[in-house]
Amino acid sequence: GQLEFASPVATEVSMVIMIALLIPIVVLSDPWYLGQLCGIADPAAALGRDLPDGCLLVSLALVVCLSHTVLPIRWWVLWPLEVLMALCYPLLTNISHSPHGQMDSDLSVSGLLATVVLLS
């Protein structure tokens, strides 16, 4: 018999769902926000080092930009990733406050969105 394969759209959608599950994992891997969510008042003091948001922002931008450039998925199927990424970081900074303050986190969100738009 002949093997039946999933349609291209089903394959693209399933890949986007898997990548969408990766974005919260990337966000929760950041020591500052993970410590905040676990109830540590000052994770930077507990770890004895500064915890900037830069690595988290670059990681988020890389996930979305690599999804656009490396995977053979049409752009209109990937738009949920941009929405999730654009909502995930501001939601997290509002829940557990960025180590650099609200103004810096707003600027970071703007820079993150601009990076993804320009690279996508």
N, C-alpha and C. Protein backbone atom coordinates (compact mmCIF):
# COMPACT_ATOMS: atom_id res chain seq x y z
N GLY A 1 0.81 -1.17 0.00
CA GLY A 1 0.00 0.00 0.00
C GLY A 1 0.86 1.25 0.00
N GLN A 2 0.18 2.31 -0.26
CA GLN A 2 0.84 3.62 -0.33
C GLN A 2 0.66 4.34 1.00
N LEU A 3 1.73 4.96 1.48
CA LEU A 3 1.66 5.70 2.74
C LEU A 3 0.99 7.05 2.53
N GLU A 4 0.13 7.40 3.45
CA GLU A 4 -0.52 8.71 3.42
C GLU A 4 0.26 9.66 4.32
N PHE A 5 0.63 10.82 3.80
CA PHE A 5 1.34 11.81 4.59
C PHE A 5 0.39 12.95 4.93
N ALA A 6 0.72 13.65 5.99
CA ALA A 6 -0.09 14.81 6.40
C ALA A 6 0.03 15.90 5.34
N SER A 7 -1.00 16.68 5.23
CA SER A 7 -0.97 17.77 4.27
C SER A 7 0.08 18.81 4.69
N PRO A 8 0.57 19.60 3.75
CA PRO A 8 1.57 20.63 4.11
C PRO A 8 1.06 21.61 5.18
N VAL A 9 -0.21 21.97 5.10
CA VAL A 9 -0.74 22.90 6.09
C VAL A 9 -0.75 22.27 7.48
N ALA A 10 -1.14 21.00 7.57
CA ALA A 10 -1.15 20.32 8.87
C ALA A 10 0.27 20.21 9.43
N THR A 11 1.23 19.95 8.57
CA THR A 11 2.62 19.88 9.01
C THR A 11 3.10 21.24 9.51
N GLU A 12 2.78 22.30 8.77
CA GLU A 12 3.19 23.64 9.19
C GLU A 12 2.55 24.03 10.51
N VAL A 13 1.27 23.76 10.65
CA VAL A 13 0.56 24.12 11.89
C VAL A 13 1.13 23.34 13.07
N SER A 14 1.42 22.06 12.89
CA SER A 14 1.98 21.29 14.00
C SER A 14 3.37 21.79 14.38
N MET A 15 4.17 22.22 13.39
CA MET A 15 5.49 22.79 13.70
C MET A 15 5.36 24.10 14.46
N VAL A 16 4.40 24.93 14.08
CA VAL A 16 4.17 26.20 14.78
C VAL A 16 3.73 25.94 16.21
N ILE A 17 2.89 24.95 16.44
CA ILE A 17 2.46 24.61 17.80
C ILE A 17 3.65 24.18 18.64
N MET A 18 4.54 23.36 18.07
CA MET A 18 5.72 22.93 18.82
C MET A 18 6.63 24.11 19.16
N ILE A 19 6.80 25.02 18.22
CA ILE A 19 7.63 26.20 18.48
C ILE A 19 6.95 27.11 19.50
N ALA A 20 5.63 27.22 19.42
CA ALA A 20 4.90 28.05 20.38
C ALA A 20 5.06 27.51 21.80
N LEU A 21 5.18 26.20 21.95
CA LEU A 21 5.43 25.61 23.27
C LEU A 21 6.85 25.90 23.75
N LEU A 22 7.75 26.16 22.82
CA LEU A 22 9.14 26.47 23.16
C LEU A 22 9.29 27.89 23.75
N ILE A 23 8.45 28.82 23.32
CA ILE A 23 8.59 30.22 23.78
C ILE A 23 8.41 30.34 25.29
N PRO A 24 7.37 29.76 25.92
CA PRO A 24 7.30 29.85 27.39
C PRO A 24 8.46 29.16 28.09
N ILE A 25 9.00 28.11 27.49
CA ILE A 25 10.16 27.43 28.08
C ILE A 25 11.37 28.36 28.06
N VAL A 26 11.56 29.09 26.97
CA VAL A 26 12.66 30.05 26.88
C VAL A 26 12.49 31.14 27.93
N VAL A 27 11.27 31.64 28.08
CA VAL A 27 11.00 32.70 29.06
C VAL A 27 11.23 32.19 30.47
N LEU A 28 10.76 31.01 30.78
CA LEU A 28 10.90 30.48 32.14
C LEU A 28 12.31 29.97 32.43
N SER A 29 13.18 29.92 31.44
CA SER A 29 14.57 29.53 31.71
C SER A 29 15.41 30.70 32.21
N ASP A 30 14.85 31.91 32.16
CA ASP A 30 15.58 33.08 32.65
C ASP A 30 15.63 33.06 34.18
N PRO A 31 16.82 33.15 34.78
CA PRO A 31 16.93 33.04 36.25
C PRO A 31 16.13 34.09 37.02
N TRP A 32 16.06 35.32 36.52
CA TRP A 32 15.33 36.37 37.25
C TRP A 32 13.84 36.04 37.35
N TYR A 33 13.22 35.76 36.21
CA TYR A 33 11.78 35.52 36.21
C TYR A 33 11.41 34.19 36.84
N LEU A 34 12.25 33.18 36.66
CA LEU A 34 12.01 31.91 37.33
C LEU A 34 12.09 32.07 38.84
N GLY A 35 13.10 32.81 39.31
CA GLY A 35 13.22 33.08 40.74
C GLY A 35 12.04 33.87 41.28
N GLN A 36 11.60 34.88 40.53
CA GLN A 36 10.44 35.68 40.93
C GLN A 36 9.19 34.81 41.03
N LEU A 37 8.98 33.95 40.04
CA LEU A 37 7.80 33.09 40.05
C LEU A 37 7.85 32.03 41.14
N CYS A 38 9.06 31.69 41.60
CA CYS A 38 9.21 30.73 42.69
C CYS A 38 9.16 31.40 44.06
N GLY A 39 9.00 32.71 44.09
CA GLY A 39 8.85 33.41 45.36
C GLY A 39 10.12 34.02 45.92
N ILE A 40 11.20 34.02 45.19
CA ILE A 40 12.44 34.66 45.64
C ILE A 40 12.32 36.15 45.36
N ALA A 41 12.39 36.96 46.40
CA ALA A 41 12.17 38.40 46.25
C ALA A 41 13.21 39.06 45.36
N ASP A 42 14.48 38.71 45.53
CA ASP A 42 15.55 39.31 44.73
C ASP A 42 16.47 38.21 44.20
N PRO A 43 16.12 37.62 43.06
CA PRO A 43 16.95 36.54 42.53
C PRO A 43 18.39 36.95 42.23
N ALA A 44 18.62 38.21 41.86
CA ALA A 44 19.97 38.67 41.58
C ALA A 44 20.84 38.59 42.83
N ALA A 45 20.29 38.99 43.98
CA ALA A 45 21.04 38.91 45.23
C ALA A 45 21.24 37.45 45.65
N ALA A 46 20.23 36.63 45.42
CA ALA A 46 20.33 35.22 45.79
C ALA A 46 21.39 34.50 44.96
N LEU A 47 21.51 34.87 43.70
CA LEU A 47 22.51 34.25 42.84
C LEU A 47 23.85 34.98 42.87
N GLY A 48 23.86 36.18 43.42
CA GLY A 48 25.09 36.95 43.53
C GLY A 48 25.60 37.55 42.23
N ARG A 49 24.68 37.83 41.31
CA ARG A 49 25.08 38.46 40.04
C ARG A 49 23.91 39.23 39.45
N ASP A 50 24.25 40.14 38.54
CA ASP A 50 23.23 40.93 37.86
C ASP A 50 22.54 40.04 36.82
N LEU A 51 21.23 40.22 36.69
CA LEU A 51 20.46 39.40 35.75
C LEU A 51 19.74 40.30 34.75
N PRO A 52 20.41 40.72 33.69
CA PRO A 52 19.76 41.59 32.71
C PRO A 52 18.77 40.83 31.84
N ASP A 53 17.86 41.56 31.21
CA ASP A 53 16.86 40.97 30.33
C ASP A 53 17.40 40.72 28.92
N GLY A 54 18.59 41.18 28.63
CA GLY A 54 19.13 41.09 27.28
C GLY A 54 19.20 39.67 26.73
N CYS A 55 19.66 38.73 27.54
CA CYS A 55 19.76 37.34 27.06
C CYS A 55 18.39 36.77 26.75
N LEU A 56 17.42 37.08 27.58
CA LEU A 56 16.05 36.61 27.35
C LEU A 56 15.49 37.19 26.06
N LEU A 57 15.70 38.48 25.84
CA LEU A 57 15.18 39.13 24.65
C LEU A 57 15.84 38.60 23.39
N VAL A 58 17.15 38.38 23.44
CA VAL A 58 17.85 37.83 22.28
C VAL A 58 17.37 36.40 22.01
N SER A 59 17.15 35.63 23.06
CA SER A 59 16.66 34.26 22.89
C SER A 59 15.29 34.24 22.24
N LEU A 60 14.40 35.12 22.69
CA LEU A 60 13.06 35.19 22.08
C LEU A 60 13.14 35.60 20.61
N ALA A 61 13.96 36.60 20.33
CA ALA A 61 14.10 37.05 18.95
C ALA A 61 14.69 35.94 18.08
N LEU A 62 15.65 35.20 18.61
CA LEU A 62 16.25 34.11 17.84
C LEU A 62 15.25 33.01 17.52
N VAL A 63 14.42 32.65 18.49
CA VAL A 63 13.42 31.60 18.24
C VAL A 63 12.51 32.00 17.09
N VAL A 64 12.00 33.21 17.13
CA VAL A 64 11.06 33.65 16.10
C VAL A 64 11.77 33.88 14.77
N CYS A 65 12.92 34.53 14.78
CA CYS A 65 13.62 34.80 13.52
C CYS A 65 14.13 33.53 12.86
N LEU A 66 14.64 32.59 13.65
CA LEU A 66 15.08 31.32 13.07
C LEU A 66 13.91 30.53 12.52
N SER A 67 12.76 30.64 13.17
CA SER A 67 11.57 29.97 12.64
C SER A 67 11.22 30.50 11.26
N HIS A 68 11.40 31.80 11.07
CA HIS A 68 11.11 32.40 9.77
C HIS A 68 12.15 32.03 8.71
N THR A 69 13.41 32.01 9.10
CA THR A 69 14.46 31.85 8.11
C THR A 69 14.86 30.41 7.84
N VAL A 70 14.78 29.55 8.83
CA VAL A 70 15.29 28.19 8.68
C VAL A 70 14.20 27.19 8.28
N LEU A 71 13.03 27.35 8.84
CA LEU A 71 11.96 26.38 8.57
C LEU A 71 11.20 26.72 7.30
N PRO A 72 10.85 25.72 6.53
CA PRO A 72 10.09 25.97 5.29
C PRO A 72 8.60 26.13 5.58
N ILE A 73 8.29 27.18 6.31
CA ILE A 73 6.90 27.45 6.69
C ILE A 73 6.52 28.82 6.15
N ARG A 74 5.33 28.91 5.60
CA ARG A 74 4.87 30.19 5.06
C ARG A 74 4.65 31.19 6.18
N TRP A 75 4.86 32.47 5.86
CA TRP A 75 4.81 33.52 6.86
C TRP A 75 3.45 33.59 7.52
N TRP A 76 2.38 33.47 6.78
CA TRP A 76 1.05 33.62 7.36
C TRP A 76 0.73 32.53 8.37
N VAL A 77 1.45 31.42 8.34
CA VAL A 77 1.25 30.36 9.34
C VAL A 77 2.02 30.69 10.62
N LEU A 78 3.10 31.49 10.49
CA LEU A 78 3.95 31.81 11.65
C LEU A 78 3.47 33.00 12.47
N TRP A 79 2.46 33.74 12.03
CA TRP A 79 2.08 34.94 12.76
C TRP A 79 1.71 34.69 14.22
N PRO A 80 1.15 33.51 14.60
CA PRO A 80 0.88 33.29 16.03
C PRO A 80 2.14 33.35 16.90
N LEU A 81 3.29 32.98 16.32
CA LEU A 81 4.53 33.06 17.10
C LEU A 81 4.88 34.50 17.46
N GLU A 82 4.71 35.42 16.50
CA GLU A 82 4.98 36.83 16.80
C GLU A 82 4.03 37.35 17.87
N VAL A 83 2.77 36.95 17.78
CA VAL A 83 1.79 37.40 18.77
C VAL A 83 2.14 36.85 20.15
N LEU A 84 2.47 35.56 20.22
CA LEU A 84 2.83 34.95 21.49
C LEU A 84 4.08 35.60 22.08
N MET A 85 5.09 35.81 21.24
CA MET A 85 6.32 36.44 21.71
C MET A 85 6.07 37.87 22.17
N ALA A 86 5.24 38.59 21.42
CA ALA A 86 4.96 39.97 21.76
C ALA A 86 4.15 40.09 23.05
N LEU A 87 3.37 39.09 23.38
CA LEU A 87 2.56 39.12 24.61
C LEU A 87 3.27 38.50 25.80
N CYS A 88 4.12 37.52 25.55
CA CYS A 88 4.76 36.76 26.62
C CYS A 88 5.68 37.62 27.49
N TYR A 89 6.56 38.36 26.88
CA TYR A 89 7.51 39.17 27.65
C TYR A 89 6.83 40.31 28.42
N PRO A 90 5.96 41.11 27.80
CA PRO A 90 5.31 42.17 28.59
C PRO A 90 4.43 41.61 29.71
N LEU A 91 3.77 40.49 29.46
CA LEU A 91 2.95 39.88 30.50
C LEU A 91 3.82 39.45 31.67
N LEU A 92 4.95 38.85 31.36
CA LEU A 92 5.86 38.40 32.40
C LEU A 92 6.44 39.57 33.19
N THR A 93 6.81 40.65 32.50
CA THR A 93 7.37 41.81 33.21
C THR A 93 6.32 42.51 34.06
N ASN A 94 5.06 42.43 33.68
CA ASN A 94 4.00 43.02 34.51
C ASN A 94 3.67 42.15 35.70
N ILE A 95 3.81 40.83 35.56
CA ILE A 95 3.52 39.92 36.67
C ILE A 95 4.66 39.94 37.69
N SER A 96 5.89 39.85 37.21
CA SER A 96 7.00 39.72 38.15
C SER A 96 8.07 40.79 37.98
N HIS A 97 7.72 41.92 37.49
CA HIS A 97 8.56 43.12 37.41
C HIS A 97 9.98 42.86 36.92
N SER A 98 10.33 43.53 35.86
CA SER A 98 11.66 43.44 35.27
C SER A 98 12.70 43.95 36.26
N PRO A 99 13.91 43.37 36.25
CA PRO A 99 14.95 43.87 37.15
C PRO A 99 15.41 45.28 36.79
N HIS A 100 15.02 45.79 35.64
CA HIS A 100 15.47 47.10 35.19
C HIS A 100 14.37 48.15 35.17
N GLY A 101 13.21 47.84 35.68
CA GLY A 101 12.13 48.82 35.74
C GLY A 101 11.21 48.77 34.53
N GLN A 102 10.05 49.40 34.67
CA GLN A 102 9.02 49.35 33.63
C GLN A 102 9.42 50.09 32.36
N MET A 103 10.07 51.24 32.48
CA MET A 103 10.44 51.99 31.29
C MET A 103 11.42 51.20 30.42
N ASP A 104 12.41 50.58 31.06
CA ASP A 104 13.36 49.77 30.30
C ASP A 104 12.68 48.56 29.67
N SER A 105 11.71 47.96 30.37
CA SER A 105 11.05 46.80 29.79
C SER A 105 10.17 47.22 28.61
N ASP A 106 9.56 48.40 28.67
CA ASP A 106 8.78 48.90 27.52
C ASP A 106 9.68 49.14 26.31
N LEU A 107 10.85 49.72 26.56
CA LEU A 107 11.81 49.92 25.47
C LEU A 107 12.31 48.59 24.92
N SER A 108 12.49 47.62 25.79
CA SER A 108 12.93 46.30 25.36
C SER A 108 11.89 45.64 24.47
N VAL A 109 10.61 45.76 24.84
CA VAL A 109 9.54 45.20 24.02
C VAL A 109 9.53 45.85 22.64
N SER A 110 9.68 47.16 22.60
CA SER A 110 9.71 47.86 21.32
C SER A 110 10.88 47.40 20.46
N GLY A 111 12.04 47.27 21.06
CA GLY A 111 13.21 46.81 20.33
C GLY A 111 13.06 45.36 19.87
N LEU A 112 12.48 44.52 20.70
CA LEU A 112 12.25 43.14 20.34
C LEU A 112 11.31 43.02 19.14
N LEU A 113 10.22 43.75 19.19
CA LEU A 113 9.26 43.73 18.07
C LEU A 113 9.89 44.27 16.79
N ALA A 114 10.64 45.35 16.91
CA ALA A 114 11.31 45.91 15.72
C ALA A 114 12.30 44.92 15.13
N THR A 115 13.04 44.22 15.98
CA THR A 115 14.01 43.22 15.52
C THR A 115 13.33 42.10 14.76
N VAL A 116 12.24 41.60 15.32
CA VAL A 116 11.53 40.49 14.66
C VAL A 116 10.91 40.93 13.35
N VAL A 117 10.35 42.13 13.33
CA VAL A 117 9.74 42.63 12.09
C VAL A 117 10.80 42.83 11.01
N LEU A 118 11.94 43.40 11.38
CA LEU A 118 12.99 43.65 10.40
C LEU A 118 13.66 42.37 9.90
N LEU A 119 13.81 41.38 10.76
CA LEU A 119 14.49 40.16 10.36
C LEU A 119 13.57 39.14 9.72
N SER A 120 12.26 39.32 9.88
CA SER A 120 11.33 38.30 9.37
C SER A 120 11.01 38.54 7.96
